[in-house]
Amino acid sequence: MFVRAYLRASTAEQDAARARTALDAFAAERGLRIAARYLENESGAKLHRPELFRLLVDCEPGDVLLVEQVDRLSRLTSSDWTKLRAEIDAKQVRIVALDLPTSWSLATPGDEFTARMLAAVNGMMLDVLAAVARKDYEDRRRRQSEGTARAKVAGLYKGRPENKARNSAIAKMLGDGRTWREVMAATGCSRNLLARIAREQRAAREVAERLQD
């Protein structure tokens, strides 16, 4: 059995590794070693999360997927959560979340009957917390949308400021020939942001080449 930690942050500005200390402490208290950590900056409301699915590909039956909270794993719609659960169940992966005490015993081997009972209870609780996480996501989006609308009416809305220092560092790393995975690991940026900066670089090179012709 391997323990694989999944750490996620929603935006490029957030630190995906924030929960590492808590996950490491949880594993150490139970005499477990985290075999690998998978970090990504993607919304939990998206099913397409490359690092999460890379983790699942790496898993063998009985491995543990360790997360800080269930919402780090899913803020998905009901249909997308069903798809993700099906993938997890097909791999026979055990989900252990620090905010789900019923899951903690799944991090240690036990007899088959107890394991099946705990897995059934844990599966039900996972579904409940995933639904709560989705509702929380939708409520926050609604409140943000309402706040933005009021700010626009009042002429106070300025949008999110660009992180120029970080974007400049990303552009330099790309210019130095670093791979996307290396850039994402070093800066914590999202794939979408990286793709945008790469496009801007290509466009700038094309303009420069035309000016030289």
N, C-alpha and C. Protein backbone atom coordinates (compact mmCIF):
# COMPACT_ATOMS: atom_id res chain seq x y z
N MET A 1 0.84 -1.20 0.00
CA MET A 1 0.00 0.00 0.00
C MET A 1 0.86 1.24 0.00
N PHE A 2 0.61 2.15 -0.95
CA PHE A 2 1.30 3.43 -1.00
C PHE A 2 0.33 4.55 -0.64
N VAL A 3 0.84 5.55 0.05
CA VAL A 3 0.06 6.74 0.36
C VAL A 3 0.49 7.84 -0.60
N ARG A 4 -0.48 8.37 -1.34
CA ARG A 4 -0.19 9.42 -2.31
C ARG A 4 -0.99 10.67 -1.92
N ALA A 5 -0.30 11.77 -1.70
CA ALA A 5 -0.94 12.99 -1.24
C ALA A 5 -1.31 13.87 -2.43
N TYR A 6 -2.53 14.38 -2.42
CA TYR A 6 -2.98 15.30 -3.47
C TYR A 6 -3.21 16.66 -2.84
N LEU A 7 -2.51 17.67 -3.35
CA LEU A 7 -2.60 19.03 -2.83
C LEU A 7 -3.04 19.94 -3.96
N ARG A 8 -4.13 20.67 -3.74
CA ARG A 8 -4.69 21.50 -4.80
C ARG A 8 -5.00 22.90 -4.29
N ALA A 9 -4.74 23.88 -5.14
CA ALA A 9 -5.19 25.24 -4.91
C ALA A 9 -5.96 25.68 -6.15
N SER A 10 -6.93 26.55 -5.97
CA SER A 10 -7.83 26.89 -7.07
C SER A 10 -7.21 27.79 -8.12
N THR A 11 -6.32 28.69 -7.70
CA THR A 11 -5.76 29.67 -8.64
C THR A 11 -4.24 29.65 -8.59
N ALA A 12 -3.64 30.25 -9.61
CA ALA A 12 -2.18 30.30 -9.70
C ALA A 12 -1.58 31.12 -8.57
N GLU A 13 -2.36 32.05 -8.02
CA GLU A 13 -1.85 32.91 -6.95
C GLU A 13 -1.81 32.20 -5.60
N GLN A 14 -2.51 31.09 -5.46
CA GLN A 14 -2.58 30.38 -4.18
C GLN A 14 -1.50 29.31 -4.11
N ASP A 15 -1.13 28.96 -2.90
CA ASP A 15 -0.06 27.99 -2.66
C ASP A 15 -0.63 26.59 -2.55
N ALA A 16 -0.41 25.78 -3.58
CA ALA A 16 -0.94 24.42 -3.59
C ALA A 16 -0.30 23.56 -2.50
N ALA A 17 0.91 23.91 -2.08
CA ALA A 17 1.63 23.10 -1.09
C ALA A 17 1.29 23.49 0.35
N ARG A 18 0.32 24.39 0.54
CA ARG A 18 0.00 24.92 1.87
C ARG A 18 -0.28 23.81 2.88
N ALA A 19 -0.99 22.76 2.47
CA ALA A 19 -1.42 21.72 3.42
C ALA A 19 -0.39 20.62 3.61
N ARG A 20 0.79 20.76 3.01
CA ARG A 20 1.77 19.67 3.08
C ARG A 20 2.13 19.32 4.53
N THR A 21 2.33 20.31 5.38
CA THR A 21 2.72 20.05 6.77
C THR A 21 1.66 19.23 7.49
N ALA A 22 0.39 19.58 7.29
CA ALA A 22 -0.70 18.86 7.96
C ALA A 22 -0.79 17.42 7.46
N LEU A 23 -0.62 17.21 6.17
CA LEU A 23 -0.68 15.85 5.62
C LEU A 23 0.51 15.02 6.09
N ASP A 24 1.69 15.64 6.11
CA ASP A 24 2.88 14.92 6.58
C ASP A 24 2.72 14.51 8.05
N ALA A 25 2.17 15.42 8.85
CA ALA A 25 1.98 15.12 10.28
C ALA A 25 0.97 13.99 10.47
N PHE A 26 -0.10 14.01 9.71
CA PHE A 26 -1.12 12.96 9.79
C PHE A 26 -0.50 11.60 9.47
N ALA A 27 0.29 11.54 8.42
CA ALA A 27 0.93 10.28 8.02
C ALA A 27 1.93 9.83 9.08
N ALA A 28 2.73 10.76 9.58
CA ALA A 28 3.76 10.41 10.57
C ALA A 28 3.14 9.86 11.85
N GLU A 29 2.01 10.42 12.28
CA GLU A 29 1.35 9.96 13.50
C GLU A 29 0.90 8.51 13.40
N ARG A 30 0.69 8.05 12.16
CA ARG A 30 0.22 6.68 11.95
C ARG A 30 1.31 5.77 11.41
N GLY A 31 2.54 6.26 11.45
CA GLY A 31 3.66 5.45 10.99
C GLY A 31 3.65 5.20 9.50
N LEU A 32 3.05 6.11 8.74
CA LEU A 32 2.96 5.96 7.29
C LEU A 32 3.96 6.88 6.60
N ARG A 33 4.36 6.49 5.41
CA ARG A 33 5.25 7.34 4.61
C ARG A 33 4.53 7.73 3.33
N ILE A 34 4.54 9.02 3.03
CA ILE A 34 3.92 9.49 1.79
C ILE A 34 4.87 9.19 0.64
N ALA A 35 4.43 8.35 -0.27
CA ALA A 35 5.29 7.91 -1.37
C ALA A 35 5.46 8.98 -2.44
N ALA A 36 4.42 9.79 -2.65
CA ALA A 36 4.49 10.82 -3.69
C ALA A 36 3.47 11.91 -3.38
N ARG A 37 3.79 13.12 -3.84
CA ARG A 37 2.89 14.26 -3.66
C ARG A 37 2.59 14.84 -5.03
N TYR A 38 1.33 15.15 -5.25
CA TYR A 38 0.88 15.66 -6.54
C TYR A 38 0.26 17.03 -6.29
N LEU A 39 0.89 18.07 -6.81
CA LEU A 39 0.44 19.43 -6.59
C LEU A 39 -0.15 20.00 -7.88
N GLU A 40 -1.27 20.71 -7.74
CA GLU A 40 -1.78 21.39 -8.93
C GLU A 40 -2.61 22.60 -8.55
N ASN A 41 -2.60 23.55 -9.46
CA ASN A 41 -3.37 24.78 -9.31
C ASN A 41 -4.49 24.75 -10.34
N GLU A 42 -5.58 24.14 -9.97
CA GLU A 42 -6.76 24.04 -10.83
C GLU A 42 -7.99 24.09 -9.94
N SER A 43 -9.09 24.55 -10.52
CA SER A 43 -10.34 24.60 -9.78
C SER A 43 -10.86 23.20 -9.48
N GLY A 44 -11.33 23.00 -8.26
CA GLY A 44 -11.94 21.74 -7.90
C GLY A 44 -13.28 21.53 -8.57
N ALA A 45 -13.80 22.57 -9.24
CA ALA A 45 -15.06 22.46 -9.98
C ALA A 45 -14.85 21.88 -11.37
N LYS A 46 -13.57 21.65 -11.75
CA LYS A 46 -13.25 21.09 -13.06
C LYS A 46 -12.88 19.62 -12.92
N LEU A 47 -13.44 18.81 -13.80
CA LEU A 47 -13.08 17.39 -13.80
C LEU A 47 -11.68 17.19 -14.38
N HIS A 48 -11.33 18.01 -15.36
CA HIS A 48 -10.02 17.88 -16.00
C HIS A 48 -8.94 18.48 -15.09
N ARG A 49 -8.25 17.59 -14.36
CA ARG A 49 -7.14 18.00 -13.51
C ARG A 49 -6.00 17.00 -13.73
N PRO A 50 -5.01 17.39 -14.52
CA PRO A 50 -3.95 16.46 -14.94
C PRO A 50 -3.24 15.76 -13.80
N GLU A 51 -2.90 16.48 -12.74
CA GLU A 51 -2.14 15.87 -11.65
C GLU A 51 -2.98 14.86 -10.86
N LEU A 52 -4.26 15.14 -10.69
CA LEU A 52 -5.14 14.20 -10.00
C LEU A 52 -5.23 12.90 -10.78
N PHE A 53 -5.38 13.00 -12.09
CA PHE A 53 -5.52 11.79 -12.88
C PHE A 53 -4.16 11.09 -13.07
N ARG A 54 -3.07 11.84 -13.00
CA ARG A 54 -1.76 11.20 -13.01
C ARG A 54 -1.59 10.38 -11.73
N LEU A 55 -2.06 10.93 -10.61
CA LEU A 55 -2.03 10.19 -9.35
C LEU A 55 -2.81 8.88 -9.47
N LEU A 56 -4.02 8.95 -10.05
CA LEU A 56 -4.83 7.75 -10.17
C LEU A 56 -4.20 6.72 -11.10
N VAL A 57 -3.55 7.19 -12.15
CA VAL A 57 -2.84 6.27 -13.05
C VAL A 57 -1.72 5.56 -12.30
N ASP A 58 -1.04 6.28 -11.42
CA ASP A 58 0.09 5.70 -10.67
C ASP A 58 -0.37 4.73 -9.59
N CYS A 59 -1.63 4.81 -9.17
CA CYS A 59 -2.12 4.00 -8.05
C CYS A 59 -2.26 2.53 -8.41
N GLU A 60 -2.03 1.72 -7.40
CA GLU A 60 -2.34 0.29 -7.46
C GLU A 60 -3.52 0.04 -6.51
N PRO A 61 -4.26 -1.07 -6.70
CA PRO A 61 -5.38 -1.36 -5.79
C PRO A 61 -4.95 -1.34 -4.32
N GLY A 62 -5.73 -0.64 -3.50
CA GLY A 62 -5.43 -0.55 -2.07
C GLY A 62 -4.62 0.67 -1.68
N ASP A 63 -4.10 1.41 -2.66
CA ASP A 63 -3.35 2.62 -2.34
C ASP A 63 -4.27 3.67 -1.72
N VAL A 64 -3.67 4.60 -0.97
CA VAL A 64 -4.42 5.66 -0.30
C VAL A 64 -4.20 6.99 -1.01
N LEU A 65 -5.30 7.68 -1.30
CA LEU A 65 -5.26 9.05 -1.81
C LEU A 65 -5.55 9.96 -0.63
N LEU A 66 -4.55 10.69 -0.18
CA LEU A 66 -4.64 11.52 1.02
C LEU A 66 -4.85 12.98 0.66
N VAL A 67 -5.90 13.58 1.22
CA VAL A 67 -6.19 14.99 0.98
C VAL A 67 -6.47 15.69 2.31
N GLU A 68 -6.29 17.00 2.30
CA GLU A 68 -6.58 17.77 3.51
C GLU A 68 -8.08 17.81 3.78
N GLN A 69 -8.85 18.11 2.73
CA GLN A 69 -10.31 18.19 2.85
C GLN A 69 -10.92 17.59 1.59
N VAL A 70 -12.15 17.13 1.72
CA VAL A 70 -12.83 16.55 0.57
C VAL A 70 -12.97 17.57 -0.56
N ASP A 71 -13.12 18.85 -0.21
CA ASP A 71 -13.27 19.85 -1.26
C ASP A 71 -11.98 20.08 -2.05
N ARG A 72 -10.83 19.58 -1.55
CA ARG A 72 -9.60 19.62 -2.34
C ARG A 72 -9.70 18.61 -3.48
N LEU A 73 -10.50 17.58 -3.26
CA LEU A 73 -10.70 16.54 -4.26
C LEU A 73 -11.83 16.91 -5.21
N SER A 74 -12.89 17.49 -4.68
CA SER A 74 -14.05 17.73 -5.53
C SER A 74 -14.90 18.91 -5.08
N ARG A 75 -15.18 19.78 -6.03
CA ARG A 75 -16.27 20.74 -5.95
C ARG A 75 -17.13 20.55 -7.21
N LEU A 76 -17.15 19.31 -7.67
CA LEU A 76 -17.73 18.97 -8.97
C LEU A 76 -19.26 18.94 -8.95
N THR A 77 -19.83 19.05 -10.15
CA THR A 77 -21.25 18.79 -10.29
C THR A 77 -21.52 17.32 -9.99
N SER A 78 -22.78 16.98 -9.80
CA SER A 78 -23.13 15.60 -9.47
C SER A 78 -22.67 14.63 -10.54
N SER A 79 -22.86 14.97 -11.81
CA SER A 79 -22.48 14.06 -12.89
C SER A 79 -20.97 13.89 -12.97
N ASP A 80 -20.21 14.98 -12.80
CA ASP A 80 -18.76 14.87 -12.85
C ASP A 80 -18.21 14.13 -11.64
N TRP A 81 -18.83 14.33 -10.47
CA TRP A 81 -18.39 13.60 -9.28
C TRP A 81 -18.62 12.10 -9.47
N THR A 82 -19.73 11.75 -10.10
CA THR A 82 -20.00 10.33 -10.37
C THR A 82 -18.91 9.74 -11.26
N LYS A 83 -18.47 10.50 -12.26
CA LYS A 83 -17.41 10.02 -13.15
C LYS A 83 -16.10 9.84 -12.38
N LEU A 84 -15.77 10.82 -11.54
CA LEU A 84 -14.53 10.72 -10.77
C LEU A 84 -14.60 9.57 -9.77
N ARG A 85 -15.73 9.40 -9.09
CA ARG A 85 -15.88 8.30 -8.16
C ARG A 85 -15.73 6.96 -8.87
N ALA A 86 -16.27 6.86 -10.07
CA ALA A 86 -16.17 5.63 -10.84
C ALA A 86 -14.71 5.30 -11.15
N GLU A 87 -13.93 6.34 -11.48
CA GLU A 87 -12.50 6.14 -11.75
C GLU A 87 -11.76 5.70 -10.49
N ILE A 88 -12.08 6.34 -9.38
CA ILE A 88 -11.44 5.99 -8.10
C ILE A 88 -11.81 4.58 -7.68
N ASP A 89 -13.10 4.24 -7.81
CA ASP A 89 -13.55 2.90 -7.42
C ASP A 89 -12.93 1.83 -8.32
N ALA A 90 -12.80 2.14 -9.62
CA ALA A 90 -12.23 1.16 -10.55
C ALA A 90 -10.78 0.86 -10.20
N LYS A 91 -10.08 1.85 -9.68
CA LYS A 91 -8.68 1.67 -9.28
C LYS A 91 -8.56 1.09 -7.87
N GLN A 92 -9.70 0.98 -7.17
CA GLN A 92 -9.73 0.47 -5.79
C GLN A 92 -8.84 1.31 -4.88
N VAL A 93 -8.96 2.62 -5.03
CA VAL A 93 -8.18 3.57 -4.23
C VAL A 93 -8.97 3.96 -3.00
N ARG A 94 -8.31 4.07 -1.87
CA ARG A 94 -8.94 4.48 -0.62
C ARG A 94 -8.76 5.99 -0.44
N ILE A 95 -9.86 6.70 -0.25
CA ILE A 95 -9.81 8.14 -0.04
C ILE A 95 -9.74 8.41 1.46
N VAL A 96 -8.70 9.09 1.88
CA VAL A 96 -8.55 9.49 3.28
C VAL A 96 -8.43 11.01 3.32
N ALA A 97 -9.34 11.65 4.07
CA ALA A 97 -9.34 13.11 4.17
C ALA A 97 -9.24 13.51 5.64
N LEU A 98 -8.45 14.52 5.92
CA LEU A 98 -8.26 14.96 7.30
C LEU A 98 -9.56 15.46 7.92
N ASP A 99 -10.49 15.97 7.09
CA ASP A 99 -11.76 16.47 7.63
C ASP A 99 -12.85 15.40 7.64
N LEU A 100 -12.47 14.15 7.38
CA LEU A 100 -13.43 13.05 7.37
C LEU A 100 -12.92 11.92 8.27
N PRO A 101 -13.18 12.01 9.59
CA PRO A 101 -12.65 11.02 10.54
C PRO A 101 -13.01 9.58 10.21
N THR A 102 -14.17 9.36 9.57
CA THR A 102 -14.55 7.99 9.23
C THR A 102 -13.59 7.37 8.22
N SER A 103 -12.79 8.19 7.57
CA SER A 103 -11.86 7.67 6.56
C SER A 103 -10.49 7.32 7.13
N TRP A 104 -10.20 7.78 8.33
CA TRP A 104 -8.83 7.64 8.85
C TRP A 104 -8.39 6.19 8.99
N SER A 105 -9.31 5.32 9.39
CA SER A 105 -8.93 3.92 9.58
C SER A 105 -8.59 3.23 8.26
N LEU A 106 -8.99 3.83 7.13
CA LEU A 106 -8.68 3.24 5.83
C LEU A 106 -7.20 3.38 5.50
N ALA A 107 -6.49 4.20 6.27
CA ALA A 107 -5.06 4.39 6.01
C ALA A 107 -4.22 3.26 6.60
N THR A 108 -4.86 2.36 7.35
CA THR A 108 -4.13 1.24 7.94
C THR A 108 -4.83 -0.06 7.58
N PRO A 109 -4.10 -1.13 7.34
CA PRO A 109 -4.70 -2.41 6.96
C PRO A 109 -5.60 -2.95 8.07
N GLY A 110 -6.65 -3.67 7.66
CA GLY A 110 -7.54 -4.31 8.63
C GLY A 110 -8.13 -5.56 8.01
N ASP A 111 -9.02 -6.23 8.76
CA ASP A 111 -9.62 -7.44 8.20
C ASP A 111 -10.63 -7.06 7.12
N GLU A 112 -10.95 -8.00 6.25
CA GLU A 112 -11.76 -7.72 5.07
C GLU A 112 -13.14 -7.20 5.41
N PHE A 113 -13.80 -7.82 6.42
CA PHE A 113 -15.16 -7.39 6.77
C PHE A 113 -15.17 -5.94 7.26
N THR A 114 -14.24 -5.63 8.18
CA THR A 114 -14.17 -4.26 8.71
C THR A 114 -13.84 -3.28 7.60
N ALA A 115 -12.93 -3.66 6.72
CA ALA A 115 -12.54 -2.78 5.61
C ALA A 115 -13.73 -2.49 4.71
N ARG A 116 -14.55 -3.51 4.42
CA ARG A 116 -15.71 -3.30 3.56
C ARG A 116 -16.75 -2.41 4.23
N MET A 117 -16.97 -2.61 5.52
CA MET A 117 -17.93 -1.79 6.24
C MET A 117 -17.49 -0.34 6.28
N LEU A 118 -16.22 -0.12 6.58
CA LEU A 118 -15.70 1.24 6.65
C LEU A 118 -15.72 1.90 5.27
N ALA A 119 -15.41 1.13 4.24
CA ALA A 119 -15.43 1.68 2.88
C ALA A 119 -16.84 2.13 2.50
N ALA A 120 -17.86 1.35 2.91
CA ALA A 120 -19.24 1.70 2.60
C ALA A 120 -19.65 2.99 3.31
N VAL A 121 -19.32 3.08 4.59
CA VAL A 121 -19.65 4.29 5.36
C VAL A 121 -18.90 5.49 4.80
N ASN A 122 -17.63 5.27 4.51
CA ASN A 122 -16.81 6.35 4.00
C ASN A 122 -17.31 6.85 2.64
N GLY A 123 -17.74 5.90 1.79
CA GLY A 123 -18.26 6.29 0.48
C GLY A 123 -19.48 7.18 0.60
N MET A 124 -20.37 6.84 1.53
CA MET A 124 -21.57 7.66 1.74
C MET A 124 -21.19 9.06 2.22
N MET A 125 -20.26 9.13 3.18
CA MET A 125 -19.84 10.42 3.70
C MET A 125 -19.11 11.25 2.65
N LEU A 126 -18.35 10.58 1.79
CA LEU A 126 -17.68 11.29 0.70
C LEU A 126 -18.70 11.96 -0.21
N ASP A 127 -19.76 11.22 -0.56
CA ASP A 127 -20.79 11.77 -1.42
C ASP A 127 -21.46 12.99 -0.78
N VAL A 128 -21.71 12.90 0.53
CA VAL A 128 -22.35 14.01 1.24
C VAL A 128 -21.44 15.24 1.24
N LEU A 129 -20.18 15.05 1.61
CA LEU A 129 -19.26 16.18 1.68
C LEU A 129 -18.96 16.76 0.30
N ALA A 130 -18.94 15.92 -0.74
CA ALA A 130 -18.75 16.42 -2.10
C ALA A 130 -19.92 17.30 -2.52
N ALA A 131 -21.14 16.89 -2.13
CA ALA A 131 -22.32 17.70 -2.43
C ALA A 131 -22.28 19.03 -1.68
N VAL A 132 -21.85 18.98 -0.40
CA VAL A 132 -21.72 20.21 0.39
C VAL A 132 -20.67 21.13 -0.21
N ALA A 133 -19.55 20.56 -0.66
CA ALA A 133 -18.48 21.36 -1.26
C ALA A 133 -18.97 22.05 -2.54
N ARG A 134 -19.76 21.34 -3.33
CA ARG A 134 -20.30 21.93 -4.56
C ARG A 134 -21.26 23.08 -4.23
N LYS A 135 -22.13 22.87 -3.23
CA LYS A 135 -23.06 23.93 -2.85
C LYS A 135 -22.31 25.15 -2.34
N ASP A 136 -21.28 24.92 -1.53
CA ASP A 136 -20.47 26.03 -1.04
C ASP A 136 -19.83 26.79 -2.19
N TYR A 137 -19.33 26.06 -3.19
CA TYR A 137 -18.72 26.68 -4.37
C TYR A 137 -19.75 27.53 -5.11
N GLU A 138 -20.94 26.99 -5.33
CA GLU A 138 -21.96 27.73 -6.06
C GLU A 138 -22.43 28.95 -5.28
N ASP A 139 -22.55 28.81 -3.94
CA ASP A 139 -22.96 29.95 -3.11
C ASP A 139 -21.92 31.07 -3.17
N ARG A 140 -20.63 30.69 -3.10
CA ARG A 140 -19.58 31.71 -3.15
C ARG A 140 -19.54 32.39 -4.51
N ARG A 141 -19.72 31.62 -5.58
CA ARG A 141 -19.75 32.21 -6.92
C ARG A 141 -20.91 33.18 -7.06
N ARG A 142 -22.07 32.81 -6.50
CA ARG A 142 -23.24 33.68 -6.57
C ARG A 142 -22.99 34.97 -5.81
N ARG A 143 -22.41 34.85 -4.59
CA ARG A 143 -22.14 36.05 -3.80
C ARG A 143 -21.10 36.95 -4.48
N GLN A 144 -20.08 36.33 -5.07
CA GLN A 144 -19.07 37.10 -5.78
C GLN A 144 -19.68 37.83 -6.97
N SER A 145 -20.55 37.12 -7.70
CA SER A 145 -21.20 37.73 -8.85
C SER A 145 -22.07 38.91 -8.45
N GLU A 146 -22.80 38.73 -7.34
CA GLU A 146 -23.65 39.81 -6.86
C GLU A 146 -22.81 41.00 -6.40
N GLY A 147 -21.69 40.72 -5.71
CA GLY A 147 -20.81 41.79 -5.25
C GLY A 147 -20.17 42.53 -6.41
N THR A 148 -19.76 41.79 -7.44
CA THR A 148 -19.16 42.42 -8.62
C THR A 148 -20.18 43.30 -9.34
N ALA A 149 -21.41 42.81 -9.44
CA ALA A 149 -22.46 43.58 -10.11
C ALA A 149 -22.71 44.90 -9.37
N ARG A 150 -22.75 44.82 -8.03
CA ARG A 150 -22.97 46.05 -7.25
C ARG A 150 -21.79 47.01 -7.41
N ALA A 151 -20.57 46.46 -7.43
CA ALA A 151 -19.38 47.31 -7.58
C ALA A 151 -19.36 47.99 -8.94
N LYS A 152 -19.77 47.25 -9.98
CA LYS A 152 -19.81 47.85 -11.32
C LYS A 152 -20.81 48.98 -11.40
N VAL A 153 -21.97 48.76 -10.78
CA VAL A 153 -22.99 49.82 -10.78
C VAL A 153 -22.47 51.07 -10.07
N ALA A 154 -21.70 50.84 -9.00
CA ALA A 154 -21.15 51.97 -8.22
C ALA A 154 -19.86 52.53 -8.83
N GLY A 155 -19.38 51.91 -9.91
CA GLY A 155 -18.16 52.37 -10.55
C GLY A 155 -16.90 52.05 -9.76
N LEU A 156 -16.97 51.02 -8.92
CA LEU A 156 -15.84 50.68 -8.05
C LEU A 156 -15.08 49.45 -8.49
N TYR A 157 -15.57 48.74 -9.49
CA TYR A 157 -14.97 47.46 -9.89
C TYR A 157 -13.75 47.69 -10.78
N LYS A 158 -12.61 47.13 -10.38
CA LYS A 158 -11.38 47.30 -11.14
C LYS A 158 -10.83 45.98 -11.67
N GLY A 159 -11.42 44.85 -11.27
CA GLY A 159 -10.92 43.55 -11.72
C GLY A 159 -9.70 43.11 -10.93
N ARG A 160 -9.27 41.90 -11.19
CA ARG A 160 -8.12 41.35 -10.47
C ARG A 160 -6.82 41.89 -11.06
N PRO A 161 -5.93 42.46 -10.25
CA PRO A 161 -4.66 42.98 -10.78
C PRO A 161 -3.75 41.86 -11.24
N GLU A 162 -3.00 42.12 -12.29
CA GLU A 162 -2.08 41.12 -12.82
C GLU A 162 -0.85 41.01 -11.93
N ASN A 163 -0.40 39.79 -11.69
CA ASN A 163 0.83 39.55 -10.93
C ASN A 163 1.99 39.65 -11.91
N LYS A 164 2.49 40.86 -12.13
CA LYS A 164 3.47 41.09 -13.17
C LYS A 164 4.81 40.41 -12.87
N ALA A 165 5.21 40.40 -11.61
CA ALA A 165 6.50 39.79 -11.26
C ALA A 165 6.48 38.30 -11.53
N ARG A 166 5.39 37.64 -11.13
CA ARG A 166 5.29 36.20 -11.36
C ARG A 166 5.22 35.89 -12.86
N ASN A 167 4.41 36.64 -13.59
CA ASN A 167 4.27 36.39 -15.02
C ASN A 167 5.57 36.63 -15.77
N SER A 168 6.34 37.61 -15.31
CA SER A 168 7.65 37.87 -15.91
C SER A 168 8.59 36.70 -15.67
N ALA A 169 8.53 36.12 -14.45
CA ALA A 169 9.37 34.98 -14.13
C ALA A 169 8.99 33.77 -14.98
N ILE A 170 7.69 33.58 -15.19
CA ILE A 170 7.21 32.47 -16.02
C ILE A 170 7.71 32.65 -17.45
N ALA A 171 7.59 33.87 -17.99
CA ALA A 171 8.03 34.14 -19.36
C ALA A 171 9.52 33.89 -19.51
N LYS A 172 10.30 34.26 -18.50
CA LYS A 172 11.75 34.04 -18.57
C LYS A 172 12.08 32.55 -18.56
N MET A 173 11.38 31.79 -17.72
CA MET A 173 11.64 30.34 -17.66
C MET A 173 11.28 29.67 -18.98
N LEU A 174 10.19 30.11 -19.60
CA LEU A 174 9.82 29.57 -20.90
C LEU A 174 10.86 29.94 -21.94
N GLY A 175 11.33 31.19 -21.86
CA GLY A 175 12.37 31.63 -22.80
C GLY A 175 13.67 30.89 -22.63
N ASP A 176 13.92 30.40 -21.42
CA ASP A 176 15.14 29.63 -21.14
C ASP A 176 15.01 28.16 -21.53
N GLY A 177 13.83 27.80 -22.04
CA GLY A 177 13.64 26.43 -22.50
C GLY A 177 13.17 25.46 -21.45
N ARG A 178 12.70 25.96 -20.29
CA ARG A 178 12.19 25.06 -19.24
C ARG A 178 10.87 24.44 -19.69
N THR A 179 10.59 23.21 -19.27
CA THR A 179 9.36 22.53 -19.65
C THR A 179 8.19 23.12 -18.87
N TRP A 180 6.98 22.89 -19.37
CA TRP A 180 5.79 23.39 -18.69
C TRP A 180 5.69 22.81 -17.28
N ARG A 181 6.00 21.53 -17.15
CA ARG A 181 5.91 20.91 -15.82
C ARG A 181 6.89 21.56 -14.85
N GLU A 182 8.10 21.87 -15.32
CA GLU A 182 9.09 22.53 -14.47
C GLU A 182 8.61 23.92 -14.06
N VAL A 183 8.02 24.65 -15.01
CA VAL A 183 7.55 26.00 -14.71
C VAL A 183 6.40 25.96 -13.71
N MET A 184 5.47 25.02 -13.91
CA MET A 184 4.33 24.91 -13.01
C MET A 184 4.78 24.51 -11.61
N ALA A 185 5.75 23.60 -11.52
CA ALA A 185 6.24 23.16 -10.22
C ALA A 185 6.96 24.30 -9.49
N ALA A 186 7.69 25.13 -10.24
CA ALA A 186 8.48 26.19 -9.63
C ALA A 186 7.64 27.39 -9.23
N THR A 187 6.60 27.69 -10.00
CA THR A 187 5.83 28.92 -9.76
C THR A 187 4.43 28.67 -9.20
N GLY A 188 3.94 27.43 -9.31
CA GLY A 188 2.59 27.14 -8.85
C GLY A 188 1.52 27.69 -9.76
N CYS A 189 1.89 28.08 -10.99
CA CYS A 189 0.91 28.66 -11.91
C CYS A 189 0.02 27.57 -12.50
N SER A 190 -1.11 27.97 -13.02
CA SER A 190 -2.03 27.03 -13.66
C SER A 190 -1.61 26.80 -15.11
N ARG A 191 -2.09 25.71 -15.68
CA ARG A 191 -1.81 25.41 -17.09
C ARG A 191 -2.43 26.47 -18.00
N ASN A 192 -3.60 26.98 -17.63
CA ASN A 192 -4.25 28.01 -18.44
C ASN A 192 -3.42 29.28 -18.51
N LEU A 193 -2.89 29.71 -17.36
CA LEU A 193 -2.05 30.90 -17.33
C LEU A 193 -0.78 30.67 -18.14
N LEU A 194 -0.18 29.51 -17.98
CA LEU A 194 1.04 29.19 -18.71
C LEU A 194 0.80 29.21 -20.22
N ALA A 195 -0.34 28.65 -20.63
CA ALA A 195 -0.68 28.64 -22.05
C ALA A 195 -0.85 30.06 -22.59
N ARG A 196 -1.47 30.93 -21.78
CA ARG A 196 -1.67 32.32 -22.22
C ARG A 196 -0.35 33.04 -22.40
N ILE A 197 0.56 32.87 -21.43
CA ILE A 197 1.86 33.54 -21.52
C ILE A 197 2.67 32.99 -22.70
N ALA A 198 2.57 31.69 -22.94
CA ALA A 198 3.27 31.08 -24.09
C ALA A 198 2.73 31.64 -25.40
N ARG A 199 1.41 31.82 -25.48
CA ARG A 199 0.81 32.41 -26.68
C ARG A 199 1.28 33.84 -26.88
N GLU A 200 1.35 34.58 -25.80
CA GLU A 200 1.80 35.98 -25.90
C GLU A 200 3.26 36.03 -26.38
N GLN A 201 4.07 35.10 -25.89
CA GLN A 201 5.47 35.06 -26.34
C GLN A 201 5.56 34.75 -27.83
N ARG A 202 4.78 33.77 -28.28
CA ARG A 202 4.80 33.41 -29.71
C ARG A 202 4.35 34.59 -30.56
N ALA A 203 3.29 35.28 -30.11
CA ALA A 203 2.79 36.44 -30.86
C ALA A 203 3.84 37.54 -30.93
N ALA A 204 4.57 37.76 -29.81
CA ALA A 204 5.60 38.79 -29.79
C ALA A 204 6.74 38.43 -30.74
N ARG A 205 7.11 37.13 -30.77
CA ARG A 205 8.18 36.70 -31.69
C ARG A 205 7.76 36.87 -33.14
N GLU A 206 6.50 36.55 -33.45
CA GLU A 206 6.01 36.69 -34.81
C GLU A 206 6.02 38.15 -35.26
N VAL A 207 5.63 39.05 -34.35
CA VAL A 207 5.67 40.48 -34.68
C VAL A 207 7.09 40.94 -34.93
N ALA A 208 8.03 40.50 -34.06
CA ALA A 208 9.43 40.87 -34.22
C ALA A 208 10.00 40.36 -35.53
N GLU A 209 9.62 39.13 -35.91
CA GLU A 209 10.11 38.55 -37.16
C GLU A 209 9.58 39.31 -38.36
N ARG A 210 8.31 39.74 -38.31
CA ARG A 210 7.74 40.49 -39.41
C ARG A 210 8.41 41.84 -39.56
N LEU A 211 8.75 42.45 -38.43
CA LEU A 211 9.41 43.75 -38.48
C LEU A 211 10.82 43.65 -39.06
N GLN A 212 11.46 42.49 -38.88
CA GLN A 212 12.81 42.30 -39.41
C GLN A 212 12.82 42.01 -40.90
N ASP A 213 11.70 41.49 -41.44
CA ASP A 213 11.63 41.14 -42.88
C ASP A 213 11.64 42.39 -43.75
